[in-house]
Amino acid sequence: GLSPAAHLFMSGSLGGTPGKVAKILLASSERHRLATSEYLASLLDTATEINRVGKGLVAGDMEEIAGYVARHPNVTRLFLSGNSLGPDGARHLSQILLSSDPPCRIQRIDLRHNGLGTEGCTIIVDAVSKNSSVTRLDLSANGV
């Protein structure tokens, strides 16, 4: 969500109408989700990498990515730095990492600059500790 200062700025710049702010945020979220869907649809079935660095992803986008990885177990690399996944995005990713049907084969994960905080980083580290395929994980610059 928006910081209080950003919300105040947005409300003021839109004539103080909170409903307009909500519509703008929803439209932005839908655009990101559509962009994620289009990107995943453009990948070949043999793709081994998902690269969405700095694409404005939010936690909900991880649901799309989780579904793709479940259908394409050949994915071994996730490059998702510079987004806004937060702890909820970490929860979605942990479900991917803990999946046994099909087994997760992800080896490299880049989650730098995602606002994961201590909670999100802990979720990821716990999941990685139970996943034998991950060999490289970058959680730097997440406010820990």
N, C-alpha and C. Protein backbone atom coordinates (compact mmCIF):
# COMPACT_ATOMS: atom_id res chain seq x y z
N GLY A 1 0.80 -1.18 0.00
CA GLY A 1 0.00 0.00 0.00
C GLY A 1 0.85 1.24 0.00
N LEU A 2 0.20 2.35 0.01
CA LEU A 2 0.88 3.63 0.02
C LEU A 2 1.26 4.03 1.43
N SER A 3 2.37 4.78 1.53
CA SER A 3 2.72 5.36 2.82
C SER A 3 1.69 6.45 3.12
N PRO A 4 1.54 6.82 4.40
CA PRO A 4 0.58 7.89 4.73
C PRO A 4 0.87 9.17 3.95
N ALA A 5 2.15 9.51 3.78
CA ALA A 5 2.51 10.73 3.04
C ALA A 5 2.10 10.61 1.58
N ALA A 6 2.34 9.45 0.96
CA ALA A 6 1.96 9.25 -0.44
C ALA A 6 0.45 9.29 -0.58
N HIS A 7 -0.28 8.68 0.37
CA HIS A 7 -1.73 8.68 0.32
C HIS A 7 -2.25 10.11 0.41
N LEU A 8 -1.65 10.90 1.33
CA LEU A 8 -2.05 12.28 1.49
C LEU A 8 -1.79 13.05 0.20
N PHE A 9 -0.62 12.84 -0.39
CA PHE A 9 -0.28 13.51 -1.64
C PHE A 9 -1.26 13.13 -2.73
N MET A 10 -1.52 11.84 -2.88
CA MET A 10 -2.42 11.37 -3.92
C MET A 10 -3.83 11.91 -3.70
N SER A 11 -4.29 11.90 -2.45
CA SER A 11 -5.63 12.41 -2.16
C SER A 11 -5.71 13.89 -2.50
N GLY A 12 -4.68 14.63 -2.12
CA GLY A 12 -4.66 16.06 -2.40
C GLY A 12 -4.59 16.34 -3.89
N SER A 13 -3.79 15.55 -4.62
CA SER A 13 -3.64 15.80 -6.05
C SER A 13 -4.87 15.37 -6.84
N LEU A 14 -5.76 14.62 -6.23
CA LEU A 14 -6.97 14.18 -6.92
C LEU A 14 -8.21 14.84 -6.32
N GLY A 15 -8.01 15.98 -5.71
CA GLY A 15 -9.15 16.71 -5.17
C GLY A 15 -9.70 16.08 -3.90
N GLY A 16 -8.88 15.32 -3.17
CA GLY A 16 -9.32 14.75 -1.90
C GLY A 16 -10.32 13.62 -2.05
N THR A 17 -10.32 12.93 -3.16
CA THR A 17 -11.29 11.86 -3.39
C THR A 17 -10.63 10.50 -3.21
N PRO A 18 -10.77 9.88 -2.03
CA PRO A 18 -10.13 8.59 -1.79
C PRO A 18 -10.56 7.51 -2.78
N GLY A 19 -11.79 7.55 -3.28
CA GLY A 19 -12.25 6.54 -4.24
C GLY A 19 -11.41 6.54 -5.50
N LYS A 20 -10.99 7.72 -5.94
CA LYS A 20 -10.14 7.81 -7.13
C LYS A 20 -8.80 7.16 -6.87
N VAL A 21 -8.25 7.38 -5.67
CA VAL A 21 -6.97 6.76 -5.32
C VAL A 21 -7.10 5.25 -5.38
N ALA A 22 -8.16 4.69 -4.82
CA ALA A 22 -8.36 3.24 -4.82
C ALA A 22 -8.45 2.72 -6.25
N LYS A 23 -9.15 3.45 -7.12
CA LYS A 23 -9.28 3.01 -8.51
C LYS A 23 -7.94 3.04 -9.21
N ILE A 24 -7.12 4.06 -8.94
CA ILE A 24 -5.80 4.14 -9.56
C ILE A 24 -4.93 2.99 -9.08
N LEU A 25 -4.95 2.71 -7.79
CA LEU A 25 -4.15 1.60 -7.26
C LEU A 25 -4.62 0.27 -7.82
N LEU A 26 -5.93 0.06 -7.93
CA LEU A 26 -6.46 -1.17 -8.47
C LEU A 26 -6.06 -1.30 -9.93
N ALA A 27 -6.19 -0.24 -10.70
CA ALA A 27 -5.82 -0.28 -12.11
C ALA A 27 -4.35 -0.60 -12.26
N SER A 28 -3.51 -0.02 -11.41
CA SER A 28 -2.08 -0.28 -11.46
C SER A 28 -1.80 -1.74 -11.15
N SER A 29 -2.46 -2.27 -10.13
CA SER A 29 -2.28 -3.68 -9.75
C SER A 29 -2.73 -4.60 -10.88
N GLU A 30 -3.85 -4.28 -11.51
CA GLU A 30 -4.34 -5.11 -12.63
C GLU A 30 -3.37 -5.06 -13.80
N ARG A 31 -2.78 -3.89 -14.08
CA ARG A 31 -1.80 -3.79 -15.17
C ARG A 31 -0.59 -4.67 -14.88
N HIS A 32 -0.11 -4.64 -13.63
CA HIS A 32 1.05 -5.47 -13.27
C HIS A 32 0.71 -6.94 -13.44
N ARG A 33 -0.46 -7.36 -12.96
CA ARG A 33 -0.85 -8.75 -13.05
C ARG A 33 -1.00 -9.18 -14.51
N LEU A 34 -1.57 -8.31 -15.34
CA LEU A 34 -1.71 -8.60 -16.76
C LEU A 34 -0.34 -8.71 -17.40
N ALA A 35 0.57 -7.80 -17.05
CA ALA A 35 1.92 -7.85 -17.59
C ALA A 35 2.62 -9.15 -17.19
N THR A 36 2.43 -9.58 -15.96
CA THR A 36 3.02 -10.84 -15.50
C THR A 36 2.43 -12.00 -16.28
N SER A 37 1.12 -12.02 -16.45
CA SER A 37 0.47 -13.10 -17.22
C SER A 37 0.98 -13.14 -18.65
N GLU A 38 1.07 -11.96 -19.28
CA GLU A 38 1.55 -11.90 -20.66
C GLU A 38 2.99 -12.37 -20.77
N TYR A 39 3.82 -11.96 -19.81
CA TYR A 39 5.22 -12.39 -19.81
C TYR A 39 5.31 -13.91 -19.70
N LEU A 40 4.60 -14.48 -18.75
CA LEU A 40 4.66 -15.93 -18.55
C LEU A 40 4.12 -16.67 -19.77
N ALA A 41 3.08 -16.14 -20.39
CA ALA A 41 2.52 -16.77 -21.59
C ALA A 41 3.51 -16.72 -22.75
N SER A 42 4.40 -15.73 -22.75
CA SER A 42 5.36 -15.59 -23.85
C SER A 42 6.55 -16.54 -23.72
N LEU A 43 6.74 -17.13 -22.54
CA LEU A 43 7.87 -18.03 -22.33
C LEU A 43 7.64 -19.36 -23.06
N LEU A 44 8.70 -19.90 -23.57
CA LEU A 44 8.62 -21.24 -24.16
C LEU A 44 8.41 -22.25 -23.04
N ASP A 45 7.80 -23.38 -23.37
CA ASP A 45 7.60 -24.42 -22.36
C ASP A 45 8.92 -24.95 -21.82
N THR A 46 10.00 -24.73 -22.55
CA THR A 46 11.31 -25.22 -22.12
C THR A 46 12.10 -24.17 -21.34
N ALA A 47 11.50 -23.01 -21.08
CA ALA A 47 12.20 -21.94 -20.36
C ALA A 47 12.66 -22.42 -19.00
N THR A 48 13.86 -22.02 -18.63
CA THR A 48 14.41 -22.40 -17.33
C THR A 48 14.55 -21.21 -16.39
N GLU A 49 14.19 -20.02 -16.87
CA GLU A 49 14.40 -18.80 -16.09
C GLU A 49 13.17 -17.90 -16.16
N ILE A 50 12.84 -17.32 -15.01
CA ILE A 50 11.84 -16.26 -14.95
C ILE A 50 12.59 -15.01 -14.49
N ASN A 51 12.60 -14.00 -15.35
CA ASN A 51 13.34 -12.78 -15.08
C ASN A 51 12.35 -11.60 -15.10
N ARG A 52 12.01 -11.13 -13.90
CA ARG A 52 11.09 -9.99 -13.76
C ARG A 52 11.73 -8.95 -12.85
N VAL A 53 12.98 -8.59 -13.15
CA VAL A 53 13.72 -7.62 -12.36
C VAL A 53 13.12 -6.23 -12.57
N GLY A 54 12.77 -5.57 -11.46
CA GLY A 54 12.30 -4.20 -11.50
C GLY A 54 11.03 -3.99 -12.31
N LYS A 55 10.11 -4.92 -12.29
CA LYS A 55 8.88 -4.82 -13.07
C LYS A 55 7.66 -4.42 -12.26
N GLY A 56 7.88 -4.00 -11.01
CA GLY A 56 6.76 -3.54 -10.19
C GLY A 56 5.88 -4.66 -9.66
N LEU A 57 6.45 -5.86 -9.55
CA LEU A 57 5.67 -6.99 -9.05
C LEU A 57 5.27 -6.78 -7.60
N VAL A 58 4.09 -7.29 -7.26
CA VAL A 58 3.59 -7.28 -5.89
C VAL A 58 3.27 -8.73 -5.50
N ALA A 59 2.88 -8.92 -4.26
CA ALA A 59 2.64 -10.28 -3.75
C ALA A 59 1.71 -11.09 -4.64
N GLY A 60 0.65 -10.49 -5.13
CA GLY A 60 -0.31 -11.21 -5.97
C GLY A 60 0.30 -11.77 -7.24
N ASP A 61 1.34 -11.11 -7.75
CA ASP A 61 2.01 -11.62 -8.96
C ASP A 61 2.68 -12.96 -8.68
N MET A 62 3.05 -13.19 -7.43
CA MET A 62 3.71 -14.46 -7.09
C MET A 62 2.75 -15.63 -7.25
N GLU A 63 1.44 -15.39 -7.14
CA GLU A 63 0.47 -16.47 -7.39
C GLU A 63 0.58 -16.92 -8.83
N GLU A 64 0.68 -15.97 -9.75
CA GLU A 64 0.84 -16.29 -11.18
C GLU A 64 2.14 -17.07 -11.41
N ILE A 65 3.20 -16.57 -10.81
CA ILE A 65 4.51 -17.21 -11.00
C ILE A 65 4.50 -18.61 -10.38
N ALA A 66 3.87 -18.76 -9.22
CA ALA A 66 3.78 -20.08 -8.59
C ALA A 66 3.04 -21.06 -9.49
N GLY A 67 1.95 -20.62 -10.08
CA GLY A 67 1.21 -21.48 -11.00
C GLY A 67 2.04 -21.88 -12.19
N TYR A 68 2.80 -20.93 -12.74
CA TYR A 68 3.64 -21.23 -13.89
C TYR A 68 4.71 -22.27 -13.53
N VAL A 69 5.37 -22.05 -12.39
CA VAL A 69 6.43 -22.97 -11.96
C VAL A 69 5.85 -24.37 -11.72
N ALA A 70 4.65 -24.44 -11.16
CA ALA A 70 4.01 -25.75 -10.93
C ALA A 70 3.76 -26.48 -12.25
N ARG A 71 3.42 -25.73 -13.30
CA ARG A 71 3.16 -26.34 -14.61
C ARG A 71 4.43 -26.55 -15.44
N HIS A 72 5.52 -25.89 -15.05
CA HIS A 72 6.78 -25.95 -15.80
C HIS A 72 7.93 -26.23 -14.82
N PRO A 73 8.06 -27.46 -14.38
CA PRO A 73 9.06 -27.78 -13.36
C PRO A 73 10.51 -27.64 -13.83
N ASN A 74 10.71 -27.32 -15.10
CA ASN A 74 12.06 -27.12 -15.61
C ASN A 74 12.63 -25.76 -15.23
N VAL A 75 11.82 -24.87 -14.63
CA VAL A 75 12.31 -23.56 -14.20
C VAL A 75 13.29 -23.76 -13.04
N THR A 76 14.51 -23.25 -13.23
CA THR A 76 15.54 -23.41 -12.21
C THR A 76 16.06 -22.08 -11.67
N ARG A 77 15.65 -20.96 -12.28
CA ARG A 77 16.16 -19.65 -11.84
C ARG A 77 15.02 -18.64 -11.78
N LEU A 78 14.96 -17.93 -10.65
CA LEU A 78 14.00 -16.84 -10.46
C LEU A 78 14.78 -15.56 -10.17
N PHE A 79 14.69 -14.60 -11.07
CA PHE A 79 15.32 -13.30 -10.88
C PHE A 79 14.21 -12.28 -10.68
N LEU A 80 13.97 -11.90 -9.43
CA LEU A 80 12.83 -11.06 -9.07
C LEU A 80 13.24 -9.83 -8.27
N SER A 81 14.47 -9.40 -8.38
CA SER A 81 14.93 -8.26 -7.58
C SER A 81 14.27 -6.96 -8.02
N GLY A 82 14.25 -6.00 -7.09
CA GLY A 82 13.76 -4.67 -7.40
C GLY A 82 12.26 -4.58 -7.56
N ASN A 83 11.51 -5.39 -6.85
CA ASN A 83 10.06 -5.35 -6.89
C ASN A 83 9.52 -5.02 -5.50
N SER A 84 8.27 -5.30 -5.25
CA SER A 84 7.64 -5.01 -3.95
C SER A 84 6.85 -6.22 -3.47
N LEU A 85 7.53 -7.35 -3.37
CA LEU A 85 6.84 -8.60 -3.02
C LEU A 85 6.42 -8.66 -1.56
N GLY A 86 7.22 -8.09 -0.66
CA GLY A 86 6.89 -8.09 0.75
C GLY A 86 6.73 -9.48 1.33
N PRO A 87 6.36 -9.57 2.61
CA PRO A 87 6.19 -10.87 3.27
C PRO A 87 5.15 -11.76 2.61
N ASP A 88 4.08 -11.18 2.07
CA ASP A 88 3.06 -12.01 1.41
C ASP A 88 3.61 -12.67 0.16
N GLY A 89 4.42 -11.95 -0.59
CA GLY A 89 5.08 -12.54 -1.76
C GLY A 89 6.02 -13.66 -1.34
N ALA A 90 6.67 -13.47 -0.20
CA ALA A 90 7.56 -14.51 0.33
C ALA A 90 6.76 -15.78 0.66
N ARG A 91 5.55 -15.61 1.20
CA ARG A 91 4.70 -16.78 1.50
C ARG A 91 4.37 -17.55 0.23
N HIS A 92 4.02 -16.84 -0.84
CA HIS A 92 3.72 -17.51 -2.11
C HIS A 92 4.95 -18.25 -2.63
N LEU A 93 6.11 -17.59 -2.56
CA LEU A 93 7.33 -18.23 -3.03
C LEU A 93 7.67 -19.45 -2.17
N SER A 94 7.43 -19.38 -0.88
CA SER A 94 7.74 -20.53 -0.02
C SER A 94 6.90 -21.74 -0.41
N GLN A 95 5.66 -21.51 -0.86
CA GLN A 95 4.82 -22.61 -1.31
C GLN A 95 5.42 -23.28 -2.55
N ILE A 96 6.00 -22.46 -3.45
CA ILE A 96 6.68 -23.02 -4.62
C ILE A 96 7.85 -23.88 -4.16
N LEU A 97 8.65 -23.34 -3.26
CA LEU A 97 9.86 -24.03 -2.81
C LEU A 97 9.56 -25.32 -2.06
N LEU A 98 8.42 -25.37 -1.39
CA LEU A 98 8.07 -26.56 -0.61
C LEU A 98 7.24 -27.57 -1.40
N SER A 99 6.94 -27.24 -2.65
CA SER A 99 6.11 -28.12 -3.47
C SER A 99 6.80 -29.46 -3.72
N SER A 100 6.03 -30.53 -3.64
CA SER A 100 6.58 -31.85 -3.95
C SER A 100 5.89 -32.47 -5.16
N ASP A 101 4.84 -31.81 -5.65
CA ASP A 101 4.12 -32.36 -6.80
C ASP A 101 3.74 -31.24 -7.77
N PRO A 102 4.56 -30.95 -8.76
CA PRO A 102 5.86 -31.57 -9.03
C PRO A 102 6.93 -31.01 -8.09
N PRO A 103 8.02 -31.74 -7.92
CA PRO A 103 9.08 -31.24 -7.03
C PRO A 103 9.70 -29.96 -7.59
N CYS A 104 9.97 -29.03 -6.72
CA CYS A 104 10.59 -27.76 -7.09
C CYS A 104 12.05 -28.01 -7.46
N ARG A 105 12.47 -27.47 -8.61
CA ARG A 105 13.86 -27.64 -9.06
C ARG A 105 14.59 -26.31 -9.14
N ILE A 106 14.04 -25.28 -8.51
CA ILE A 106 14.68 -23.96 -8.55
C ILE A 106 16.03 -24.03 -7.83
N GLN A 107 17.05 -23.51 -8.51
CA GLN A 107 18.40 -23.52 -7.97
C GLN A 107 18.88 -22.13 -7.54
N ARG A 108 18.49 -21.10 -8.29
CA ARG A 108 18.95 -19.73 -8.00
C ARG A 108 17.74 -18.82 -7.81
N ILE A 109 17.82 -18.01 -6.75
CA ILE A 109 16.75 -17.06 -6.46
C ILE A 109 17.38 -15.71 -6.10
N ASP A 110 16.97 -14.67 -6.80
CA ASP A 110 17.43 -13.32 -6.51
C ASP A 110 16.22 -12.50 -6.07
N LEU A 111 16.20 -12.14 -4.80
CA LEU A 111 15.09 -11.37 -4.22
C LEU A 111 15.56 -10.05 -3.62
N ARG A 112 16.69 -9.52 -4.08
CA ARG A 112 17.18 -8.25 -3.54
C ARG A 112 16.14 -7.15 -3.73
N HIS A 113 16.13 -6.21 -2.79
CA HIS A 113 15.28 -5.02 -2.89
C HIS A 113 13.81 -5.35 -3.13
N ASN A 114 13.20 -6.13 -2.23
CA ASN A 114 11.80 -6.50 -2.38
C ASN A 114 10.95 -6.17 -1.16
N GLY A 115 11.52 -5.45 -0.19
CA GLY A 115 10.75 -5.08 1.00
C GLY A 115 10.27 -6.28 1.80
N LEU A 116 11.08 -7.34 1.81
CA LEU A 116 10.67 -8.56 2.53
C LEU A 116 10.71 -8.38 4.04
N GLY A 117 11.62 -7.56 4.53
CA GLY A 117 11.78 -7.38 5.96
C GLY A 117 12.20 -8.69 6.63
N THR A 118 12.28 -8.65 7.94
CA THR A 118 12.68 -9.84 8.71
C THR A 118 11.68 -10.97 8.51
N GLU A 119 10.40 -10.65 8.52
CA GLU A 119 9.37 -11.68 8.37
C GLU A 119 9.49 -12.42 7.03
N GLY A 120 9.57 -11.68 5.94
CA GLY A 120 9.66 -12.30 4.62
C GLY A 120 10.94 -13.09 4.43
N CYS A 121 12.05 -12.53 4.90
CA CYS A 121 13.33 -13.24 4.78
C CYS A 121 13.32 -14.53 5.58
N THR A 122 12.72 -14.50 6.76
CA THR A 122 12.62 -15.71 7.59
C THR A 122 11.79 -16.77 6.88
N ILE A 123 10.69 -16.37 6.27
CA ILE A 123 9.84 -17.31 5.54
C ILE A 123 10.63 -17.99 4.42
N ILE A 124 11.39 -17.19 3.66
CA ILE A 124 12.17 -17.74 2.55
C ILE A 124 13.27 -18.65 3.06
N VAL A 125 14.01 -18.22 4.07
CA VAL A 125 15.10 -19.04 4.60
C VAL A 125 14.57 -20.37 5.13
N ASP A 126 13.44 -20.35 5.83
CA ASP A 126 12.84 -21.59 6.33
C ASP A 126 12.50 -22.53 5.17
N ALA A 127 11.91 -22.00 4.11
CA ALA A 127 11.53 -22.83 2.97
C ALA A 127 12.77 -23.38 2.25
N VAL A 128 13.78 -22.53 2.08
CA VAL A 128 15.01 -22.97 1.41
C VAL A 128 15.71 -24.06 2.21
N SER A 129 15.64 -23.97 3.53
CA SER A 129 16.29 -24.98 4.38
C SER A 129 15.65 -26.36 4.20
N LYS A 130 14.42 -26.39 3.68
CA LYS A 130 13.72 -27.66 3.46
C LYS A 130 13.71 -28.06 1.98
N ASN A 131 14.42 -27.30 1.16
CA ASN A 131 14.45 -27.53 -0.28
C ASN A 131 15.88 -27.86 -0.68
N SER A 132 16.09 -29.03 -1.27
CA SER A 132 17.46 -29.44 -1.60
C SER A 132 17.96 -28.90 -2.93
N SER A 133 17.11 -28.26 -3.73
CA SER A 133 17.56 -27.80 -5.04
C SER A 133 18.19 -26.41 -5.02
N VAL A 134 17.80 -25.54 -4.09
CA VAL A 134 18.31 -24.17 -4.08
C VAL A 134 19.77 -24.17 -3.65
N THR A 135 20.62 -23.60 -4.53
CA THR A 135 22.05 -23.51 -4.24
C THR A 135 22.53 -22.08 -4.09
N ARG A 136 21.69 -21.12 -4.53
CA ARG A 136 22.08 -19.71 -4.44
C ARG A 136 20.86 -18.86 -4.16
N LEU A 137 20.96 -18.05 -3.12
CA LEU A 137 19.85 -17.20 -2.68
C LEU A 137 20.39 -15.84 -2.29
N ASP A 138 19.82 -14.77 -2.85
CA ASP A 138 20.23 -13.40 -2.51
C ASP A 138 19.04 -12.67 -1.93
N LEU A 139 19.13 -12.36 -0.63
CA LEU A 139 18.09 -11.62 0.08
C LEU A 139 18.59 -10.24 0.54
N SER A 140 19.68 -9.77 -0.03
CA SER A 140 20.24 -8.50 0.42
C SER A 140 19.29 -7.34 0.14
N ALA A 141 19.49 -6.27 0.89
CA ALA A 141 18.74 -5.02 0.75
C ALA A 141 17.23 -5.22 0.92
N ASN A 142 16.86 -5.96 1.95
CA ASN A 142 15.43 -6.20 2.25
C ASN A 142 15.05 -5.69 3.64
N GLY A 143 15.81 -4.75 4.17
CA GLY A 143 15.46 -4.13 5.44
C GLY A 143 15.66 -5.02 6.64
N VAL A 144 16.64 -5.90 6.58
CA VAL A 144 16.91 -6.79 7.72
C VAL A 144 18.16 -6.32 8.43
